[in-house]
Protein backbone atom coordinates (compact mmCIF):
# COMPACT_ATOMS: atom_id res chain seq x y z
CA MET A 1 130.75 53.02 -11.43
CA ALA A 2 128.20 51.25 -9.33
CA TRP A 3 125.54 48.60 -10.22
CA ARG A 4 122.37 50.43 -11.56
CA PRO A 5 119.10 48.29 -13.02
CA ARG A 6 118.91 47.89 -16.53
CA ASN A 7 116.23 50.62 -17.62
CA ILE A 8 117.44 52.80 -14.87
CA LEU A 9 121.29 52.25 -16.87
CA LEU A 10 119.93 52.54 -20.59
CA SER A 11 118.79 56.17 -19.42
CA VAL A 12 121.97 57.65 -17.85
CA LYS A 13 123.49 60.44 -19.86
CA THR A 14 127.63 61.40 -19.41
CA ALA A 15 129.11 64.48 -18.62
CA LEU A 16 132.77 65.17 -18.03
CA ILE A 17 134.53 68.12 -16.04
CA VAL A 18 138.06 69.07 -17.58
CA TYR A 19 139.34 70.94 -13.96
CA ASN A 20 142.36 73.10 -14.06
CA PRO A 21 143.44 72.93 -10.18
CA ALA A 22 146.37 75.48 -10.97
CA ALA A 23 143.70 77.90 -11.83
CA ARG A 24 143.52 81.22 -9.49
CA ASN A 25 140.38 80.54 -7.77
CA ALA A 26 139.90 76.69 -8.80
CA PRO A 27 137.65 75.21 -6.58
CA ASP A 28 138.72 72.18 -4.19
CA ARG A 29 138.95 68.74 -6.16
CA ASP A 30 137.17 66.93 -3.23
CA ARG A 31 134.32 70.32 -3.16
CA LEU A 32 133.99 70.00 -7.47
CA ALA A 33 133.94 65.99 -7.05
CA ALA A 34 130.74 66.42 -4.27
CA ALA A 35 129.11 68.74 -6.07
CA ALA A 36 128.81 65.81 -9.24
CA ALA A 37 128.75 63.24 -6.89
CA ALA A 38 124.92 64.93 -5.72
CA LEU A 39 123.59 65.36 -8.69
CA ASP A 40 120.47 62.95 -9.52
CA ASP A 41 121.27 59.35 -10.70
CA GLU A 42 120.41 60.10 -14.35
CA TRP A 43 123.52 61.81 -14.56
CA LEU A 44 126.95 60.06 -14.61
CA VAL A 45 130.20 62.53 -14.34
CA GLU A 46 133.47 62.14 -14.70
CA LEU A 47 136.19 64.29 -13.37
CA VAL A 48 139.77 65.34 -15.00
CA GLU A 49 142.37 67.39 -14.43
CA THR A 50 144.69 69.40 -16.93
CA ALA A 51 148.62 69.36 -16.36
CA ALA A 52 149.60 70.54 -19.32
CA PRO A 53 148.69 72.96 -22.28
CA GLY A 54 146.60 71.13 -24.38
CA ASP A 55 144.92 68.72 -22.46
CA GLY A 56 141.76 70.43 -22.08
CA VAL A 57 141.56 70.18 -25.92
CA ARG A 58 142.11 66.43 -25.87
CA ARG A 59 139.89 65.52 -23.01
CA ALA A 60 137.21 67.82 -24.67
CA ALA A 61 137.71 65.79 -28.12
CA GLU A 62 137.94 62.49 -26.61
CA ALA A 63 134.59 63.11 -24.66
CA SER A 64 132.91 64.53 -27.48
CA LEU A 65 133.97 61.34 -29.52
CA SER A 66 132.62 58.75 -26.81
CA GLY A 67 129.29 60.47 -26.81
CA ALA A 68 128.99 63.02 -23.76
CA SER A 69 126.31 65.38 -23.51
CA VAL A 70 128.48 68.09 -22.05
CA VAL A 71 132.03 68.80 -21.20
CA PHE A 72 132.37 70.92 -18.15
CA ALA A 73 135.33 73.39 -18.14
CA CYS A 74 136.81 74.57 -14.60
CA GLY A 75 139.36 76.61 -14.60
CA GLY A 76 139.60 79.81 -16.32
CA ASP A 77 138.99 81.79 -19.65
CA GLY A 78 141.93 79.61 -21.22
CA THR A 79 140.72 76.12 -19.53
CA ILE A 80 137.13 77.03 -21.23
CA ASN A 81 139.29 78.15 -24.47
CA GLU A 82 140.75 74.82 -24.73
CA VAL A 83 137.61 72.69 -24.11
CA VAL A 84 135.84 74.91 -27.20
CA ASN A 85 138.61 73.75 -29.02
CA GLY A 86 138.09 70.06 -28.18
CA LEU A 87 133.85 70.63 -28.70
CA ALA A 88 134.06 73.01 -32.07
CA GLY A 89 131.81 71.39 -34.70
CA GLY A 90 130.36 68.54 -32.65
CA ASN A 91 126.81 67.56 -30.78
CA THR A 92 128.34 67.44 -27.15
CA ALA A 93 127.59 70.61 -25.00
CA LEU A 94 129.78 73.13 -23.23
CA GLY A 95 129.03 73.69 -19.48
CA VAL A 96 131.16 76.31 -17.26
CA ILE A 97 131.98 75.89 -13.63
CA ARG A 98 133.64 78.77 -12.07
CA GLY A 99 136.96 79.08 -11.32
CA GLY A 100 139.67 81.13 -12.76
CA MET A 101 140.84 84.92 -12.67
CA GLY A 102 138.64 86.64 -14.38
CA ASP A 103 135.40 84.61 -15.13
CA VAL A 104 134.71 86.71 -18.04
CA PHE A 105 131.65 83.98 -19.91
CA ALA A 106 130.54 82.81 -16.29
CA LYS A 107 130.02 86.04 -15.08
CA GLU A 108 128.25 87.64 -18.33
CA VAL A 109 125.62 84.54 -18.49
CA ARG A 110 125.57 84.85 -14.04
CA ILE A 111 126.79 81.04 -13.71
CA PRO A 112 126.58 80.93 -9.94
CA ARG A 113 130.13 80.40 -8.56
CA ASP A 114 129.02 77.25 -6.09
CA PRO A 115 130.12 74.19 -8.45
CA GLU A 116 126.53 72.23 -7.48
CA ALA A 117 124.24 75.10 -7.52
CA ALA A 118 126.19 75.93 -11.09
CA LEU A 119 126.08 72.11 -12.10
CA ARG A 120 122.01 71.92 -11.27
CA LEU A 121 121.67 75.53 -12.84
CA LEU A 122 122.93 74.57 -16.20
CA LEU A 123 122.03 70.72 -16.36
CA ASP A 124 117.95 72.33 -15.82
CA GLY A 125 118.78 75.16 -17.95
CA GLU A 126 118.76 76.43 -21.50
CA ARG A 127 121.19 74.39 -24.53
CA ARG A 128 121.63 77.16 -27.05
CA ARG A 129 123.81 77.07 -30.20
CA PHE A 130 126.59 79.57 -30.44
CA ASP A 131 128.83 80.92 -33.41
CA LEU A 132 132.39 80.75 -32.78
CA GLY A 133 135.29 82.82 -33.90
CA ARG A 134 138.37 81.57 -35.37
CA ALA A 135 141.51 83.63 -34.99
CA GLY A 136 144.02 81.11 -37.60
CA GLU A 137 143.31 77.51 -36.24
CA ARG A 138 142.14 78.52 -33.21
CA TYR A 139 138.50 79.22 -31.86
CA PHE A 140 137.58 81.47 -29.81
CA LEU A 141 134.20 82.05 -27.34
CA LEU A 142 134.55 85.46 -26.08
CA MET A 143 136.52 87.40 -28.28
CA CYS A 144 140.34 88.07 -29.88
CA GLY A 145 142.10 91.08 -30.08
CA VAL A 146 145.42 92.05 -32.38
CA GLY A 147 147.83 94.76 -31.45
CA PHE A 148 147.24 96.63 -27.93
CA ASP A 149 146.06 93.87 -25.75
CA ALA A 150 147.57 90.95 -27.50
CA GLY A 151 150.78 92.87 -26.43
CA ILE A 152 149.41 92.54 -22.68
CA VAL A 153 148.45 89.29 -22.61
CA ARG A 154 151.74 88.48 -23.99
CA ARG A 155 153.65 90.33 -21.11
CA VAL A 156 152.03 89.65 -18.05
CA PRO A 157 154.34 87.74 -16.16
CA ASN A 158 152.48 84.01 -14.73
CA ALA A 159 154.33 85.17 -11.36
CA ALA A 160 152.27 88.64 -11.41
CA LYS A 161 148.45 87.12 -12.54
CA ARG A 162 149.25 84.86 -9.28
CA ARG A 163 149.63 87.60 -6.79
CA LEU A 164 147.85 89.96 -8.05
CA GLY A 165 145.17 88.31 -10.24
CA SER A 166 143.16 90.75 -12.66
CA ALA A 167 144.92 93.49 -11.20
CA SER A 168 148.49 92.70 -12.83
CA TYR A 169 146.79 93.26 -16.76
CA ALA A 170 145.50 96.73 -15.50
CA LEU A 171 149.29 97.66 -13.91
CA TRP A 172 150.81 96.25 -17.38
CA ALA A 173 147.93 97.80 -19.67
CA LEU A 174 149.23 101.10 -17.79
CA ARG A 175 153.00 100.11 -19.06
CA GLN A 176 151.34 99.19 -22.75
CA LEU A 177 149.28 102.53 -22.97
CA LEU A 178 152.76 104.45 -22.66
CA GLY A 179 155.17 102.31 -24.52
CA TYR A 180 152.87 100.69 -27.38
CA ARG A 181 152.98 102.28 -31.00
CA ALA A 182 150.47 102.09 -33.88
CA ARG A 183 151.88 100.38 -36.70
CA ARG A 184 150.69 100.83 -40.51
CA THR A 185 148.75 97.72 -41.34
CA ALA A 186 147.32 96.39 -44.39
CA LEU A 187 143.34 94.88 -43.59
CA HIS A 188 141.09 92.88 -45.64
CA VAL A 189 138.05 92.93 -44.37
CA ASN A 190 135.04 91.54 -45.74
CA GLY A 191 136.21 91.72 -49.64
CA GLU A 192 137.90 95.18 -49.06
CA ASP A 193 140.73 96.38 -48.08
CA TYR A 194 142.73 99.45 -46.89
CA GLU A 195 145.42 100.55 -44.64
CA ARG A 196 145.06 102.03 -41.00
CA ASP A 197 147.83 103.06 -38.33
CA LEU A 198 146.73 100.28 -36.09
CA PHE A 199 146.89 100.53 -32.51
CA TRP A 200 144.49 97.83 -31.75
CA LEU A 201 141.45 95.68 -33.32
CA LEU A 202 139.35 94.24 -31.29
CA LEU A 203 136.89 91.42 -32.54
CA GLY A 204 133.82 90.30 -30.27
CA ASN A 205 131.39 87.34 -30.19
CA THR A 206 130.14 88.12 -26.68
CA ARG A 207 130.01 91.34 -25.56
CA SER A 208 132.05 91.28 -21.78
CA TYR A 209 135.80 92.34 -21.89
CA GLY A 210 137.62 91.14 -19.12
CA GLY A 211 134.50 91.23 -16.78
CA VAL A 212 135.16 94.79 -16.80
CA LEU A 213 134.07 96.49 -19.86
CA ASN A 214 131.13 95.76 -22.61
CA ILE A 215 132.98 97.19 -25.89
CA THR A 216 131.49 94.92 -28.25
CA ALA A 217 128.27 96.16 -26.56
CA ASP A 218 125.88 94.91 -29.24
CA ALA A 219 127.39 91.54 -30.45
CA LYS A 220 125.04 88.16 -31.09
CA VAL A 221 126.16 84.76 -31.53
CA ASP A 222 123.97 83.66 -33.57
CA ASP A 223 124.47 86.02 -36.29
CA GLY A 224 127.27 84.78 -38.06
CA LEU A 225 129.12 87.90 -37.62
CA LEU A 226 131.84 89.53 -35.50
CA ASP A 227 131.68 92.76 -33.98
CA ALA A 228 134.72 94.85 -34.66
CA TYR A 229 136.06 97.91 -33.31
CA ILE A 230 139.12 99.29 -35.12
CA PHE A 231 141.26 101.30 -33.07
CA ALA A 232 144.17 103.63 -35.13
CA GLY A 233 145.31 106.53 -34.40
CA ARG A 234 148.88 107.76 -32.92
CA GLY A 235 149.93 109.98 -29.57
CA LEU A 236 149.36 109.79 -26.03
CA PRO A 237 146.82 112.06 -25.83
CA TRP A 238 144.70 110.30 -28.43
CA ARG A 239 145.50 106.94 -26.58
CA LEU A 240 144.14 108.09 -23.39
CA LEU A 241 141.15 109.81 -24.85
CA THR A 242 140.06 106.42 -26.13
CA LEU A 243 140.43 104.85 -23.28
CA LEU A 244 137.85 107.56 -21.42
CA ARG A 245 135.89 107.29 -24.16
CA LEU A 246 135.98 103.24 -23.60
CA ALA A 247 135.18 103.38 -19.66
CA LEU A 248 132.21 105.85 -21.08
CA ARG A 249 130.56 103.50 -23.29
CA ARG A 250 131.05 106.66 -25.86
CA GLN A 251 134.11 104.69 -28.26
CA ARG A 252 131.67 104.29 -31.42
CA GLY A 253 132.21 107.52 -33.92
CA ALA A 254 134.95 108.84 -31.67
CA ARG A 255 138.31 110.03 -34.14
CA GLY A 256 140.43 106.99 -35.11
CA VAL A 257 137.60 104.40 -33.71
CA GLU A 258 135.74 102.77 -36.14
CA PHE A 259 133.28 99.58 -36.06
CA ARG A 260 132.42 97.15 -38.40
CA ARG A 261 130.42 93.49 -38.69
CA VAL A 262 132.71 91.32 -40.50
CA ASN A 263 132.64 87.23 -41.25
CA GLU A 264 136.54 87.84 -42.28
CA LEU A 265 139.26 89.53 -41.95
CA ALA A 266 142.96 89.33 -42.73
CA ILE A 267 146.27 90.73 -41.88
CA ASP A 268 149.17 90.30 -43.50
CA GLU A 269 151.50 92.04 -42.06
CA GLU A 270 154.14 90.48 -39.83
CA GLY A 271 154.86 91.06 -36.28
CA LEU A 272 151.76 92.41 -34.75
CA PRO A 273 150.63 89.81 -31.21
CA VAL A 274 147.49 88.38 -31.69
CA GLN A 275 145.50 86.85 -28.48
CA ALA A 276 142.43 85.03 -28.17
CA ASP A 277 139.78 84.32 -24.87
CA GLY A 278 142.29 86.15 -22.86
CA GLU A 279 145.84 83.81 -24.34
CA TYR A 280 148.29 84.59 -26.28
CA LEU A 281 148.39 82.79 -29.85
CA GLY A 282 151.43 84.21 -31.46
CA GLU A 283 152.00 86.94 -34.03
CA THR A 284 150.36 87.93 -37.35
CA PRO A 285 150.08 87.34 -40.41
CA MET A 286 146.80 85.91 -39.30
CA ARG A 287 143.25 85.04 -40.76
CA PHE A 288 139.83 85.89 -38.67
CA SER A 289 136.86 84.60 -39.18
CA VAL A 290 133.08 83.30 -38.31
CA ALA A 291 132.21 79.37 -37.47
CA PRO A 292 128.32 79.89 -37.98
CA GLN A 293 126.51 77.75 -35.30
CA ALA A 294 129.44 75.55 -33.82
CA LEU A 295 129.08 74.81 -30.30
CA ASP A 296 125.93 73.97 -27.91
CA VAL A 297 126.17 75.61 -25.27
CA LEU A 298 124.44 75.28 -21.51
CA LEU A 299 123.22 78.36 -20.02
CA PRO A 300 120.78 79.34 -17.04
CA PRO A 301 117.36 79.83 -18.12
CA GLY A 302 117.29 83.17 -19.16
CA ALA A 303 120.45 84.19 -18.77
CA GLY A 304 122.00 84.86 -21.95
CA SER A 305 118.57 85.70 -24.23
CA ARG A 306 120.60 89.13 -25.00
CA LEU A 307 123.24 87.55 -26.67
CA PHE A 308 120.96 85.87 -29.70
CA SER A 309 119.23 87.63 -32.24
CA LEU A 310 116.01 85.45 -31.70
CA THR A 311 114.89 84.64 -28.42
CA ARG A 312 112.98 81.56 -28.16
CA SER A 313 108.97 81.84 -27.47
């Protein structure tokens, strides 16, 4: 680190960029390093690369313990999810630099693609406290799915994702739509027990799904609840009609579609696939819940106001 006068050194704030060089749209490392170096002297920014699953969790947790002000995740939504799991419950904030295939959260809160512009905008922006969802022991920032979409996430090959990007999910979704079958499933929701022919369960903490649809279009990140859609039905006609309703944003109240706001949900049925923030987690049985006010997140000024129950004065 370059020498600085003592009075300046005392005011330096530290940040870490957790960078996934394998992400589909990751910026060049030199460009990212130059963006960090261009910040004002009040910030000291370190750049580290991930090389294996879990590296993002470990690096973020270490930075939080060392007192870093911010950890930036630069990669896909999976990289962001790892950083979230390293920071949850602490005082170090999450920042996001675009670099992934979908960039779902970055698009939702309008983070620019240019790394330097993103860094400057976020460091001069708003710091807001978010709820996080939990799927088993894993935190999620955006959403969690059980059944249909998790089966897609589990099956899309990495080679297809690298070659086709987000289009790979659409192609595998068509295959899954024809072949995936609903299963009779016991649900435990907010202390209530019932059974459904479960095709898909979606739990949203934020609103954007895949950067394309706003299925949980009224979700708030500070209400202590997850917005849940339970899709329960059988037969190809029902599946196709439900897909059309989703595209038209008319799913609420449709046949075989239930909406609930939940703070706790459990599935005891074995073998249903689960994904969180677009990453495959495993299979049920699993418990889903909310960790209220669990993480500080940096946002561009005014960009995320619709995600909160209360706006700042």
